[in-house]
PDB file of N, CA and C in Angstrom:
ATOM      1  N   UNK A   1     -10.963  -4.608   6.787  1.00  0.00           N
ATOM      2  CA  UNK A   1     -12.437  -3.712   6.218  1.00  0.00           C
ATOM      3  C   UNK A   1     -12.463  -4.904   5.120  1.00  0.00           C
ATOM      4  N   UNK A   2     -13.934  -4.251   4.760  1.00  0.00           N
ATOM      5  CA  UNK A   2     -14.490  -5.099   3.792  1.00  0.00           C
ATOM      6  C   UNK A   2     -14.384  -4.070   2.204  1.00  0.00           C
ATOM      7  N   UNK A   3     -14.063  -3.202   2.096  1.00  0.00           N
ATOM      8  CA  UNK A   3     -13.630  -1.971   0.946  1.00  0.00           C
ATOM      9  C   UNK A   3     -13.581  -0.522   1.347  1.00  0.00           C
ATOM     10  N   UNK A   4     -13.093  -0.232   0.358  1.00  0.00           N
ATOM     11  CA  UNK A   4     -12.180   1.400   0.508  1.00  0.00           C
ATOM     12  C   UNK A   4     -13.178   1.926   1.315  1.00  0.00           C
ATOM     13  N   UNK A   5     -14.491   2.329   0.967  1.00  0.00           N
ATOM     14  CA  UNK A   5     -15.357   3.230   1.850  1.00  0.00           C
ATOM     15  C   UNK A   5     -15.028   2.793   3.419  1.00  0.00           C
ATOM     16  N   UNK A   6     -15.109   1.707   3.655  1.00  0.00           N
ATOM     17  CA  UNK A   6     -15.285   1.146   5.238  1.00  0.00           C
ATOM     18  C   UNK A   6     -13.320   1.569   5.743  1.00  0.00           C
ATOM     19  N   UNK A   7     -12.541   1.338   4.659  1.00  0.00           N
ATOM     20  CA  UNK A   7     -11.431   1.607   5.398  1.00  0.00           C
ATOM     21  C   UNK A   7     -11.002   3.276   6.062  1.00  0.00           C
ATOM     22  N   UNK A   8     -11.331   3.786   5.007  1.00  0.00           N
ATOM     23  CA  UNK A   8     -11.516   5.273   5.164  1.00  0.00           C
ATOM     24  C   UNK A   8     -12.497   5.827   6.263  1.00  0.00           C
ATOM     25  N   UNK A   9     -13.225   5.237   6.468  1.00  0.00           N
ATOM     26  CA  UNK A   9     -14.200   5.736   7.524  1.00  0.00           C
ATOM     27  C   UNK A   9     -13.384   4.984   8.682  1.00  0.00           C
ATOM     28  N   UNK A  10     -12.746   4.263   9.019  1.00  0.00           N
ATOM     29  CA  UNK A  10     -11.980   3.449   9.885  1.00  0.00           C
ATOM     30  C   UNK A  10     -11.037   4.454  10.179  1.00  0.00           C
ATOM     31  N   UNK A  11     -10.071   4.808   9.603  1.00  0.00           N
ATOM     32  CA  UNK A  11      -8.893   5.972   9.242  1.00  0.00           C
ATOM     33  C   UNK A  11      -9.138   7.231   9.798  1.00  0.00           C
ATOM     34  N   UNK A  12     -10.784   7.595   9.675  1.00  0.00           N
ATOM     35  CA  UNK A  12     -10.930   9.172  10.123  1.00  0.00           C
ATOM     36  C   UNK A  12     -11.384   8.882  11.401  1.00  0.00           C
ATOM     37  N   UNK A  13     -11.844   7.522  12.014  1.00  0.00           N
ATOM     38  CA  UNK A  13     -11.684   7.774  13.302  1.00  0.00           C
ATOM     39  C   UNK A  13     -10.898   8.349  14.246  1.00  0.00           C
ATOM     40  N   UNK A  14     -10.965   9.321  15.103  1.00  0.00           N
ATOM     41  CA  UNK A  14     -10.098  10.512  15.851  1.00  0.00           C
ATOM     42  C   UNK A  14      -9.952   9.500  16.781  1.00  0.00           C
ATOM     43  N   UNK A  15     -10.227   8.328  17.765  1.00  0.00           N
ATOM     44  CA  UNK A  15      -9.574   7.337  18.633  1.00  0.00           C
ATOM     45  C   UNK A  15      -9.001   6.472  18.003  1.00  0.00           C
ATOM     46  N   UNK A  16      -8.904   6.227  16.897  1.00  0.00           N
ATOM     47  CA  UNK A  16      -8.069   4.826  16.590  1.00  0.00           C
ATOM     48  C   UNK A  16      -6.655   5.189  16.225  1.00  0.00           C
ATOM     49  N   UNK A  17      -5.718   4.486  17.266  1.00  0.00           N
ATOM     50  CA  UNK A  17      -4.508   4.524  16.833  1.00  0.00           C
ATOM     51  C   UNK A  17      -4.075   3.877  15.322  1.00  0.00           C
ATOM     52  N   UNK A  18      -3.541   4.923  14.773  1.00  0.00           N
ATOM     53  CA  UNK A  18      -2.808   4.801  13.323  1.00  0.00           C
ATOM     54  C   UNK A  18      -2.194   3.226  13.594  1.00  0.00           C
ATOM     55  N   UNK A  19      -2.286   2.546  12.648  1.00  0.00           N
ATOM     56  CA  UNK A  19      -1.228   1.728  12.604  1.00  0.00           C
ATOM     57  C   UNK A  19       0.160   1.593  11.757  1.00  0.00           C
ATOM     58  N   UNK A  20       1.241   0.729  12.428  1.00  0.00           N
ATOM     59  CA  UNK A  20       2.355   1.553  11.742  1.00  0.00           C
ATOM     60  C   UNK A  20       2.462   1.029  10.244  1.00  0.00           C
ATOM     61  N   UNK A  21       1.716   0.429   9.724  1.00  0.00           N
ATOM     62  CA  UNK A  21       1.860  -0.029   8.444  1.00  0.00           C
ATOM     63  C   UNK A  21       0.760  -0.438   7.493  1.00  0.00           C
ATOM     64  N   UNK A  22       0.367   0.012   6.529  1.00  0.00           N
ATOM     65  CA  UNK A  22      -1.011  -0.135   5.747  1.00  0.00           C
ATOM     66  C   UNK A  22      -1.002  -0.734   4.601  1.00  0.00           C
ATOM     67  N   UNK A  23      -1.527  -2.309   4.527  1.00  0.00           N
ATOM     68  CA  UNK A  23      -1.691  -2.703   3.333  1.00  0.00           C
ATOM     69  C   UNK A  23      -2.627  -2.623   2.686  1.00  0.00           C
ATOM     70  N   UNK A  24      -2.506  -2.170   1.297  1.00  0.00           N
ATOM     71  CA  UNK A  24      -3.782  -1.258   0.729  1.00  0.00           C
ATOM     72  C   UNK A  24      -3.936  -2.359  -0.633  1.00  0.00           C
ATOM     73  N   UNK A  25      -5.128  -2.789  -0.840  1.00  0.00           N
ATOM     74  CA  UNK A  25      -5.547  -3.492  -2.503  1.00  0.00           C
ATOM     75  C   UNK A  25      -5.937  -2.413  -3.110  1.00  0.00           C
ATOM     76  N   UNK A  26      -5.226  -2.422  -4.537  1.00  0.00           N
ATOM     77  CA  UNK A  26      -5.764  -1.629  -5.428  1.00  0.00           C
ATOM     78  C   UNK A  26      -7.446  -1.723  -6.035  1.00  0.00           C
ATOM     79  N   UNK A  27      -7.836  -3.530  -5.944  1.00  0.00           N
ATOM     80  CA  UNK A  27      -9.004  -3.574  -6.551  1.00  0.00           C
ATOM     81  C   UNK A  27      -9.930  -3.945  -5.434  1.00  0.00           C
ATOM     82  N   UNK A  28     -10.297  -2.497  -4.303  1.00  0.00           N
ATOM     83  CA  UNK A  28     -10.901  -2.993  -3.851  1.00  0.00           C
ATOM     84  C   UNK A  28     -12.338  -2.529  -4.203  1.00  0.00           C
ATOM     85  N   UNK A  29     -13.471  -2.597  -3.464  1.00  0.00           N
ATOM     86  CA  UNK A  29     -15.311  -2.436  -4.141  1.00  0.00           C
ATOM     87  C   UNK A  29     -15.589  -0.481  -3.631  1.00  0.00           C
ATOM     88  N   UNK A  30     -16.135  -0.276  -4.006  1.00  0.00           N
ATOM     89  CA  UNK A  30     -16.598   0.988  -3.569  1.00  0.00           C
ATOM     90  C   UNK A  30     -15.457   1.985  -3.839  1.00  0.00           C
ATOM     91  N   UNK A  31     -14.720   1.973  -3.217  1.00  0.00           N
ATOM     92  CA  UNK A  31     -13.582   3.201  -3.533  1.00  0.00           C
ATOM     93  C   UNK A  31     -12.636   2.299  -3.554  1.00  0.00           C
ATOM     94  N   UNK A  32     -11.758   2.208  -4.637  1.00  0.00           N
ATOM     95  CA  UNK A  32     -10.513   1.573  -4.868  1.00  0.00           C
ATOM     96  C   UNK A  32      -9.270   2.106  -4.167  1.00  0.00           C
ATOM     97  N   UNK A  33      -8.099   1.418  -4.283  1.00  0.00           N
ATOM     98  CA  UNK A  33      -6.375   1.697  -3.824  1.00  0.00           C
ATOM     99  C   UNK A  33      -6.356   3.021  -4.064  1.00  0.00           C
ATOM    100  N   UNK A  34      -6.715   3.307  -5.434  1.00  0.00           N
ATOM    101  CA  UNK A  34      -6.100   4.649  -6.030  1.00  0.00           C
ATOM    102  C   UNK A  34      -6.722   5.639  -5.100  1.00  0.00           C
ATOM    103  N   UNK A  35      -7.770   5.605  -5.114  1.00  0.00           N
ATOM    104  CA  UNK A  35      -8.904   6.980  -4.607  1.00  0.00           C
ATOM    105  C   UNK A  35      -8.290   6.817  -2.699  1.00  0.00           C
ATOM    106  N   UNK A  36      -8.066   5.496  -2.413  1.00  0.00           N
ATOM    107  CA  UNK A  36      -8.114   5.800  -0.935  1.00  0.00           C
ATOM    108  C   UNK A  36      -6.589   6.741  -0.372  1.00  0.00           C
ATOM    109  N   UNK A  37      -5.543   5.826  -2.041  1.00  0.00           N
ATOM    110  CA  UNK A  37      -4.388   6.397  -1.516  1.00  0.00           C
ATOM    111  C   UNK A  37      -4.550   7.935  -1.678  1.00  0.00           C
ATOM    112  N   UNK A  38      -4.970   8.541  -2.575  1.00  0.00           N
ATOM    113  CA  UNK A  38      -5.167   9.947  -2.610  1.00  0.00           C
ATOM    114  C   UNK A  38      -5.700  10.768  -1.657  1.00  0.00           C
ATOM    115  N   UNK A  39      -6.989  10.021  -0.826  1.00  0.00           N
ATOM    116  CA  UNK A  39      -7.669  10.408   0.223  1.00  0.00           C
ATOM    117  C   UNK A  39      -6.366  10.613   1.606  1.00  0.00           C
ATOM    118  N   UNK A  40      -5.618   9.365   1.511  1.00  0.00           N
ATOM    119  CA  UNK A  40      -4.608   9.573   2.779  1.00  0.00           C
ATOM    120  C   UNK A  40      -3.725  10.152   2.302  1.00  0.00           C
ATOM    121  N   UNK A  41      -2.993  10.715   1.031  1.00  0.00           N
ATOM    122  CA  UNK A  41      -2.040  11.304   0.900  1.00  0.00           C
ATOM    123  C   UNK A  41      -2.456  12.694   1.282  1.00  0.00           C
ATOM    124  N   UNK A  42      -3.726  13.350   0.896  1.00  0.00           N
ATOM    125  CA  UNK A  42      -4.445  14.619   1.331  1.00  0.00           C
ATOM    126  C   UNK A  42      -4.497  14.633   2.716  1.00  0.00           C
ATOM    127  N   UNK A  43      -4.765  13.794   3.729  1.00  0.00           N
ATOM    128  CA  UNK A  43      -4.801  14.058   5.056  1.00  0.00           C
ATOM    129  C   UNK A  43      -3.683  14.258   5.575  1.00  0.00           C
ATOM    130  N   UNK A  44      -3.600  15.361   6.485  1.00  0.00           N
ATOM    131  CA  UNK A  44      -2.378  15.417   7.096  1.00  0.00           C
ATOM    132  C   UNK A  44      -2.376  14.736   8.568  1.00  0.00           C
ATOM    133  N   UNK A  45      -3.304  13.695   8.722  1.00  0.00           N
ATOM    134  CA  UNK A  45      -3.291  13.128   9.848  1.00  0.00           C
ATOM    135  C   UNK A  45      -2.965  11.707   9.368  1.00  0.00           C
ATOM    136  N   UNK A  46      -2.973  11.528   7.981  1.00  0.00           N
ATOM    137  CA  UNK A  46      -2.784  10.113   7.280  1.00  0.00           C
ATOM    138  C   UNK A  46      -1.652  10.012   6.502  1.00  0.00           C
ATOM    139  N   UNK A  47      -1.089  11.111   6.404  1.00  0.00           N
ATOM    140  CA  UNK A  47      -0.078  11.038   4.937  1.00  0.00           C
ATOM    141  C   UNK A  47       1.132  10.667   5.638  1.00  0.00           C
ATOM    142  N   UNK A  48       1.623  10.275   6.662  1.00  0.00           N
ATOM    143  CA  UNK A  48       2.717   9.995   7.134  1.00  0.00           C
ATOM    144  C   UNK A  48       2.673   8.253   7.227  1.00  0.00           C
ATOM    145  N   UNK A  49       1.417   7.760   6.797  1.00  0.00           N
ATOM    146  CA  UNK A  49       1.413   6.337   6.981  1.00  0.00           C
ATOM    147  C   UNK A  49       2.188   5.513   6.200  1.00  0.00           C
ATOM    148  N   UNK A  50       3.027   4.189   6.571  1.00  0.00           N
ATOM    149  CA  UNK A  50       3.556   3.839   5.321  1.00  0.00           C
ATOM    150  C   UNK A  50       2.515   2.932   4.902  1.00  0.00           C
ATOM    151  N   UNK A  51       2.260   3.356   3.545  1.00  0.00           N
ATOM    152  CA  UNK A  51       1.548   2.497   2.514  1.00  0.00           C
ATOM    153  C   UNK A  51       2.279   1.236   1.654  1.00  0.00           C
ATOM    154  N   UNK A  52       1.815   0.001   1.848  1.00  0.00           N
ATOM    155  CA  UNK A  52       2.167  -0.993   0.990  1.00  0.00           C
ATOM    156  C   UNK A  52       1.165  -1.755   0.072  1.00  0.00           C
ATOM    157  N   UNK A  53       1.570  -1.232  -0.906  1.00  0.00           N
ATOM    158  CA  UNK A  53       0.344  -1.631  -2.467  1.00  0.00           C
ATOM    159  C   UNK A  53       0.287  -3.153  -2.644  1.00  0.00           C
ATOM    160  N   UNK A  54      -0.959  -3.522  -2.663  1.00  0.00           N
ATOM    161  CA  UNK A  54      -1.260  -4.975  -3.017  1.00  0.00           C
ATOM    162  C   UNK A  54      -2.006  -4.765  -4.511  1.00  0.00           C
ATOM    163  N   UNK A  55      -1.484  -5.536  -5.115  1.00  0.00           N
ATOM    164  CA  UNK A  55      -2.434  -5.740  -6.691  1.00  0.00           C
ATOM    165  C   UNK A  55      -2.485  -7.237  -7.662  1.00  0.00           C
ATOM    166  N   UNK A  56      -3.331  -7.439  -7.599  1.00  0.00           N
ATOM    167  CA  UNK A  56      -3.534  -8.809  -8.308  1.00  0.00           C
ATOM    168  C   UNK A  56      -3.525  -8.717 -10.010  1.00  0.00           C
ATOM    169  N   UNK A  57      -3.579  -7.238 -10.200  1.00  0.00           N
ATOM    170  CA  UNK A  57      -3.237  -6.978 -11.490  1.00  0.00           C
ATOM    171  C   UNK A  57      -1.867  -7.282 -12.466  1.00  0.00           C
ATOM    172  N   UNK A  58      -2.016  -7.780 -13.540  1.00  0.00           N
ATOM    173  CA  UNK A  58      -0.605  -8.146 -14.177  1.00  0.00           C
ATOM    174  C   UNK A  58      -0.905  -7.463 -15.475  1.00  0.00           C
ATOM    175  N   UNK A  59      -0.118  -6.149 -15.723  1.00  0.00           N
ATOM    176  CA  UNK A  59      -0.585  -5.353 -16.936  1.00  0.00           C
ATOM    177  C   UNK A  59       0.478  -5.945 -18.088  1.00  0.00           C
ATOM    178  N   UNK A  60      -0.692  -5.529 -19.190  1.00  0.00           N
ATOM    179  CA  UNK A  60      -0.468  -5.737 -20.676  1.00  0.00           C
ATOM    180  C   UNK A  60       0.914  -5.533 -21.117  1.00  0.00           C
ATOM    181  N   UNK A  61       1.593  -4.398 -20.534  1.00  0.00           N
ATOM    182  CA  UNK A  61       3.044  -4.316 -21.230  1.00  0.00           C
ATOM    183  C   UNK A  61       3.898  -3.541 -19.574  1.00  0.00           C
ATOM    184  N   UNK A  62       4.992  -3.369 -19.724  1.00  0.00           N
ATOM    185  CA  UNK A  62       5.893  -2.873 -18.795  1.00  0.00           C
ATOM    186  C   UNK A  62       5.805  -1.480 -18.693  1.00  0.00           C
ATOM    187  N   UNK A  63       5.744  -0.740 -19.821  1.00  0.00           N
ATOM    188  CA  UNK A  63       5.674   0.807 -19.700  1.00  0.00           C
ATOM    189  C   UNK A  63       4.182   1.201 -18.438  1.00  0.00           C
ATOM    190  N   UNK A  64       3.247   0.447 -19.030  1.00  0.00           N
ATOM    191  CA  UNK A  64       1.757   0.470 -18.308  1.00  0.00           C
ATOM    192  C   UNK A  64       2.195   0.652 -16.597  1.00  0.00           C
ATOM    193  N   UNK A  65       2.793  -1.074 -16.429  1.00  0.00           N
ATOM    194  CA  UNK A  65       3.224  -0.969 -14.958  1.00  0.00           C
ATOM    195  C   UNK A  65       3.993   0.195 -14.571  1.00  0.00           C
ATOM    196  N   UNK A  66       5.088   0.394 -14.874  1.00  0.00           N
ATOM    197  CA  UNK A  66       6.081   1.444 -14.269  1.00  0.00           C
ATOM    198  C   UNK A  66       4.973   2.851 -14.451  1.00  0.00           C
ATOM    199  N   UNK A  67       4.404   3.168 -15.106  1.00  0.00           N
ATOM    200  CA  UNK A  67       3.427   4.684 -14.530  1.00  0.00           C
ATOM    201  C   UNK A  67       2.753   4.166 -13.660  1.00  0.00           C
ATOM    202  N   UNK A  68       2.090   3.051 -13.598  1.00  0.00           N
ATOM    203  CA  UNK A  68       0.656   2.907 -12.326  1.00  0.00           C
ATOM    204  C   UNK A  68       2.040   2.861 -11.029  1.00  0.00           C
ATOM    205  N   UNK A  69       2.763   2.316 -11.347  1.00  0.00           N
ATOM    206  CA  UNK A  69       3.857   2.321  -9.846  1.00  0.00           C
ATOM    207  C   UNK A  69       4.174   3.348  -9.639  1.00  0.00           C
ATOM    208  N   UNK A  70       4.694   4.353 -10.903  1.00  0.00           N
ATOM    209  CA  UNK A  70       5.235   5.654 -10.487  1.00  0.00           C
ATOM    210  C   UNK A  70       3.879   6.769  -9.918  1.00  0.00           C
ATOM    211  N   UNK A  71       2.811   6.326 -10.549  1.00  0.00           N
ATOM    212  CA  UNK A  71       2.102   7.472  -9.893  1.00  0.00           C
ATOM    213  C   UNK A  71       1.240   6.998  -8.500  1.00  0.00           C
ATOM    214  N   UNK A  72       1.786   5.455  -7.921  1.00  0.00           N
ATOM    215  CA  UNK A  72       1.240   5.478  -6.909  1.00  0.00           C
ATOM    216  C   UNK A  72       2.418   5.598  -5.453  1.00  0.00           C
ATOM    217  N   UNK A  73       3.655   5.896  -6.327  1.00  0.00           N
ATOM    218  CA  UNK A  73       4.425   6.159  -5.441  1.00  0.00           C
ATOM    219  C   UNK A  73       4.623   7.874  -5.219  1.00  0.00           C
ATOM    220  N   UNK A  74       4.079   8.448  -6.151  1.00  0.00           N
ATOM    221  CA  UNK A  74       3.761  10.002  -6.138  1.00  0.00           C
ATOM    222  C   UNK A  74       2.748  10.068  -5.002  1.00  0.00           C
ATOM    223  N   UNK A  75       1.771   9.107  -5.019  1.00  0.00           N
ATOM    224  CA  UNK A  75       0.629   9.256  -3.930  1.00  0.00           C
ATOM    225  C   UNK A  75       1.122   9.140  -2.527  1.00  0.00           C
ATOM    226  N   UNK A  76       1.938   8.491  -2.583  1.00  0.00           N
ATOM    227  CA  UNK A  76       2.649   7.985  -0.945  1.00  0.00           C
ATOM    228  C   UNK A  76       2.932   6.694  -0.841  1.00  0.00           C
ATOM    229  N   UNK A  77       2.447   5.660  -1.435  1.00  0.00           N
ATOM    230  CA  UNK A  77       3.285   4.246  -1.363  1.00  0.00           C
ATOM    231  C   UNK A  77       4.229   3.813  -1.381  1.00  0.00           C
ATOM    232  N   UNK A  78       4.712   3.150  -0.406  1.00  0.00           N
ATOM    233  CA  UNK A  78       6.188   3.024   0.163  1.00  0.00           C
ATOM    234  C   UNK A  78       6.448   1.926  -0.832  1.00  0.00           C
ATOM    235  N   UNK A  79       5.794   0.821  -1.098  1.00  0.00           N
ATOM    236  CA  UNK A  79       6.140  -0.457  -1.372  1.00  0.00           C
ATOM    237  C   UNK A  79       4.865  -0.838  -2.216  1.00  0.00           C
ATOM    238  N   UNK A  80       5.173  -1.674  -3.536  1.00  0.00           N
ATOM    239  CA  UNK A  80       4.421  -2.129  -4.411  1.00  0.00           C
ATOM    240  C   UNK A  80       4.561  -3.793  -4.497  1.00  0.00           C
ATOM    241  N   UNK A  81       3.749  -4.269  -4.403  1.00  0.00           N
ATOM    242  CA  UNK A  81       4.057  -5.991  -4.416  1.00  0.00           C
ATOM    243  C   UNK A  81       2.685  -6.527  -5.161  1.00  0.00           C
ATOM    244  N   UNK A  82       3.060  -7.313  -5.964  1.00  0.00           N
ATOM    245  CA  UNK A  82       2.512  -7.541  -7.180  1.00  0.00           C
ATOM    246  C   UNK A  82       1.963  -9.405  -6.391  1.00  0.00           C
ATOM    247  N   UNK A  83       0.853  -9.421  -5.869  1.00  0.00           N
ATOM    248  CA  UNK A  83       0.536 -10.569  -5.629  1.00  0.00           C
ATOM    249  C   UNK A  83       0.984 -11.873  -6.154  1.00  0.00           C
ATOM    250  N   UNK A  84       1.289 -12.827  -5.524  1.00  0.00           N
ATOM    251  CA  UNK A  84       1.539 -14.383  -5.686  1.00  0.00           C
ATOM    252  C   UNK A  84       0.482 -14.887  -5.938  1.00  0.00           C
ATOM    253  N   UNK A  85       0.281 -16.007  -7.117  1.00  0.00           N
ATOM    254  CA  UNK A  85      -0.937 -16.996  -6.763  1.00  0.00           C
ATOM    255  C   UNK A  85      -0.893 -17.875  -5.673  1.00  0.00           C
ATOM    256  N   UNK A  86       0.365 -17.950  -5.028  1.00  0.00           N
ATOM    257  CA  UNK A  86       0.817 -18.996  -3.866  1.00  0.00           C
ATOM    258  C   UNK A  86       0.599 -18.453  -2.973  1.00  0.00           C
ATOM    259  N   UNK A  87      -0.375 -19.196  -1.740  1.00  0.00           N
ATOM    260  CA  UNK A  87      -0.523 -18.421  -0.063  1.00  0.00           C
ATOM    261  C   UNK A  87       0.974 -18.611   0.348  1.00  0.00           C
ATOM    262  N   UNK A  88       1.942 -19.355   0.172  1.00  0.00           N
ATOM    263  CA  UNK A  88       3.036 -19.238   1.182  1.00  0.00           C
ATOM    264  C   UNK A  88       4.015 -18.376   0.483  1.00  0.00           C
ATOM    265  N   UNK A  89       4.283 -17.986  -0.826  1.00  0.00           N
ATOM    266  CA  UNK A  89       5.204 -17.004  -1.400  1.00  0.00           C
ATOM    267  C   UNK A  89       4.122 -15.921  -0.958  1.00  0.00           C
ATOM    268  N   UNK A  90       3.213 -15.572  -0.488  1.00  0.00           N
ATOM    269  CA  UNK A  90       2.031 -14.539  -0.389  1.00  0.00           C
ATOM    270  C   UNK A  90       3.200 -14.174   1.244  1.00  0.00           C
ATOM    271  N   UNK A  91       2.564 -15.194   1.815  1.00  0.00           N
ATOM    272  CA  UNK A  91       2.552 -14.895   3.653  1.00  0.00           C
ATOM    273  C   UNK A  91       4.709 -14.434   3.524  1.00  0.00           C
ATOM    274  N   UNK A  92       5.727 -15.305   2.563  1.00  0.00           N
ATOM    275  CA  UNK A  92       7.067 -14.905   2.593  1.00  0.00           C
ATOM    276  C   UNK A  92       7.409 -13.574   2.494  1.00  0.00           C
ATOM    277  N   UNK A  93       6.291 -13.096   1.429  1.00  0.00           N
ATOM    278  CA  UNK A  93       6.528 -11.775   0.832  1.00  0.00           C
ATOM    279  C   UNK A  93       5.903 -10.607   1.875  1.00  0.00           C
ATOM    280  N   UNK A  94       4.987 -11.036   2.743  1.00  0.00           N
ATOM    281  CA  UNK A  94       4.653  -9.956   3.933  1.00  0.00           C
ATOM    282  C   UNK A  94       5.431  -9.817   5.127  1.00  0.00           C
ATOM    283  N   UNK A  95       5.892 -11.193   5.033  1.00  0.00           N
ATOM    284  CA  UNK A  95       6.836 -11.236   6.360  1.00  0.00           C
ATOM    285  C   UNK A  95       8.248 -10.438   5.940  1.00  0.00           C
ATOM    286  N   UNK A  96       8.809 -10.190   4.570  1.00  0.00           N
ATOM    287  CA  UNK A  96       9.656  -9.468   3.937  1.00  0.00           C
ATOM    288  C   UNK A  96       9.553  -8.258   4.233  1.00  0.00           C
ATOM    289  N   UNK A  97       8.406  -8.016   3.747  1.00  0.00           N
ATOM    290  CA  UNK A  97       8.198  -6.477   3.819  1.00  0.00           C
ATOM    291  C   UNK A  97       7.877  -5.909   4.956  1.00  0.00           C
ATOM    292  N   UNK A  98       6.993  -6.685   5.930  1.00  0.00           N
ATOM    293  CA  UNK A  98       7.315  -6.008   7.434  1.00  0.00           C
ATOM    294  C   UNK A  98       8.530  -5.941   7.985  1.00  0.00           C
ATOM    295  N   UNK A  99       9.585  -6.777   7.895  1.00  0.00           N
ATOM    296  CA  UNK A  99      10.915  -6.543   8.242  1.00  0.00           C
ATOM    297  C   UNK A  99      11.524  -5.333   7.757  1.00  0.00           C
ATOM    298  N   UNK A 100      11.466  -5.448   6.387  1.00  0.00           N
ATOM    299  CA  UNK A 100      11.959  -4.064   5.663  1.00  0.00           C
ATOM    300  C   UNK A 100      11.681  -3.103   6.053  1.00  0.00           C
ATOM    301  N   UNK A 101      10.150  -2.878   6.105  1.00  0.00           N
ATOM    302  CA  UNK A 101       9.967  -1.619   6.038  1.00  0.00           C
ATOM    303  C   UNK A 101      10.057  -1.417   7.687  1.00  0.00           C
ATOM    304  N   UNK A 102       9.793  -1.946   8.529  1.00  0.00           N
ATOM    305  CA  UNK A 102      10.355  -1.396  10.189  1.00  0.00           C
ATOM    306  C   UNK A 102      11.876  -1.323  10.091  1.00  0.00           C
ATOM    307  N   UNK A 103      12.711  -1.991   9.386  1.00  0.00           N
ATOM    308  CA  UNK A 103      14.044  -1.420   9.559  1.00  0.00           C
ATOM    309  C   UNK A 103      13.862   0.165   8.941  1.00  0.00           C
ATOM    310  N   UNK A 104      13.201   0.467   7.721  1.00  0.00           N
ATOM    311  CA  UNK A 104      13.776   1.572   7.172  1.00  0.00           C
ATOM    312  C   UNK A 104      13.139   2.755   8.113  1.00  0.00           C
ATOM    313  N   UNK A 105      11.579   1.830   8.608  1.00  0.00           N
ATOM    314  CA  UNK A 105      11.164   3.314   9.154  1.00  0.00           C
ATOM    315  C   UNK A 105      12.035   3.922  10.489  1.00  0.00           C
ATOM    316  N   UNK A 106      12.428   2.772  11.139  1.00  0.00           N
ATOM    317  CA  UNK A 106      13.699   2.857  12.568  1.00  0.00           C
ATOM    318  C   UNK A 106      14.496   3.831  11.823  1.00  0.00           C
ATOM    319  N   UNK A 107      15.126   3.964  10.763  1.00  0.00           N
ATOM    320  CA  UNK A 107      15.933   4.759  10.822  1.00  0.00           C
ATOM    321  C   UNK A 107      15.381   5.587  10.018  1.00  0.00           C
ATOM    322  N   UNK A 108      14.469   6.548   9.677  1.00  0.00           N
ATOM    323  CA  UNK A 108      13.723   7.543   9.112  1.00  0.00           C
ATOM    324  C   UNK A 108      13.812   7.584   7.380  1.00  0.00           C
ATOM    325  N   UNK A 109      14.600   6.469   6.768  1.00  0.00           N
ATOM    326  CA  UNK A 109      14.865   6.615   5.726  1.00  0.00           C
ATOM    327  C   UNK A 109      13.175   6.493   4.691  1.00  0.00           C
ATOM    328  N   UNK A 110      13.308   7.230   3.729  1.00  0.00           N
ATOM    329  CA  UNK A 110      12.280   7.007   2.709  1.00  0.00           C
ATOM    330  C   UNK A 110      12.641   5.359   1.936  1.00  0.00           C
ATOM    331  N   UNK A 111      11.394   5.059   1.965  1.00  0.00           N
ATOM    332  CA  UNK A 111      10.939   3.609   1.229  1.00  0.00           C
ATOM    333  C   UNK A 111      10.356   3.819   0.054  1.00  0.00           C
ATOM    334  N   UNK A 112      10.596   3.103  -1.019  1.00  0.00           N
ATOM    335  CA  UNK A 112      10.113   2.757  -2.076  1.00  0.00           C
ATOM    336  C   UNK A 112      10.762   1.598  -2.999  1.00  0.00           C
ATOM    337  N   UNK A 113       9.702   0.625  -2.754  1.00  0.00           N
ATOM    338  CA  UNK A 113      10.410  -0.934  -3.535  1.00  0.00           C
ATOM    339  C   UNK A 113       9.175  -1.367  -4.257  1.00  0.00           C
ATOM    340  N   UNK A 114       9.518  -2.177  -5.288  1.00  0.00           N
ATOM    341  CA  UNK A 114       8.843  -3.066  -5.996  1.00  0.00           C
ATOM    342  C   UNK A 114       9.182  -4.574  -5.373  1.00  0.00           C
ATOM    343  N   UNK A 115       8.044  -5.053  -5.022  1.00  0.00           N
ATOM    344  CA  UNK A 115       8.487  -6.687  -5.097  1.00  0.00           C
ATOM    345  C   UNK A 115       7.599  -7.705  -5.857  1.00  0.00           C
ATOM    346  N   UNK A 116       8.285  -8.352  -6.440  1.00  0.00           N
ATOM    347  CA  UNK A 116       7.829  -9.810  -7.036  1.00  0.00           C
ATOM    348  C   UNK A 116       8.015 -10.961  -6.186  1.00  0.00           C
ATOM    349  N   UNK A 117       7.245 -11.914  -6.380  1.00  0.00           N
ATOM    350  CA  UNK A 117       7.242 -13.465  -5.784  1.00  0.00           C
ATOM    351  C   UNK A 117       8.271 -13.997  -6.807  1.00  0.00           C
TER     352      UNK A 117
END
């Protein structure tokens, strides 16, 4: 999808088989990742999705970043990834995240991770 509104419209489709994992960018147009994550958390059909947050933002200080990540986890995110600038590193992070998420989903464990390249 191109933006947060399209994402939420797609997820609202009753005929859609929900994905096992949703990669969600915080900096989407029209409706940002925080807004989408809040809506997902409030929706009984969606609140069990495994949500992996992508962010290109590099906060000014560590306290701000920790507060941001804690807020995302409270809203239902499972993994927070700070996007690397290198495409190969991004591919590695995605592969690692999918493997880790799949393993945790199979075991029924709650997952909360922060990944950096």
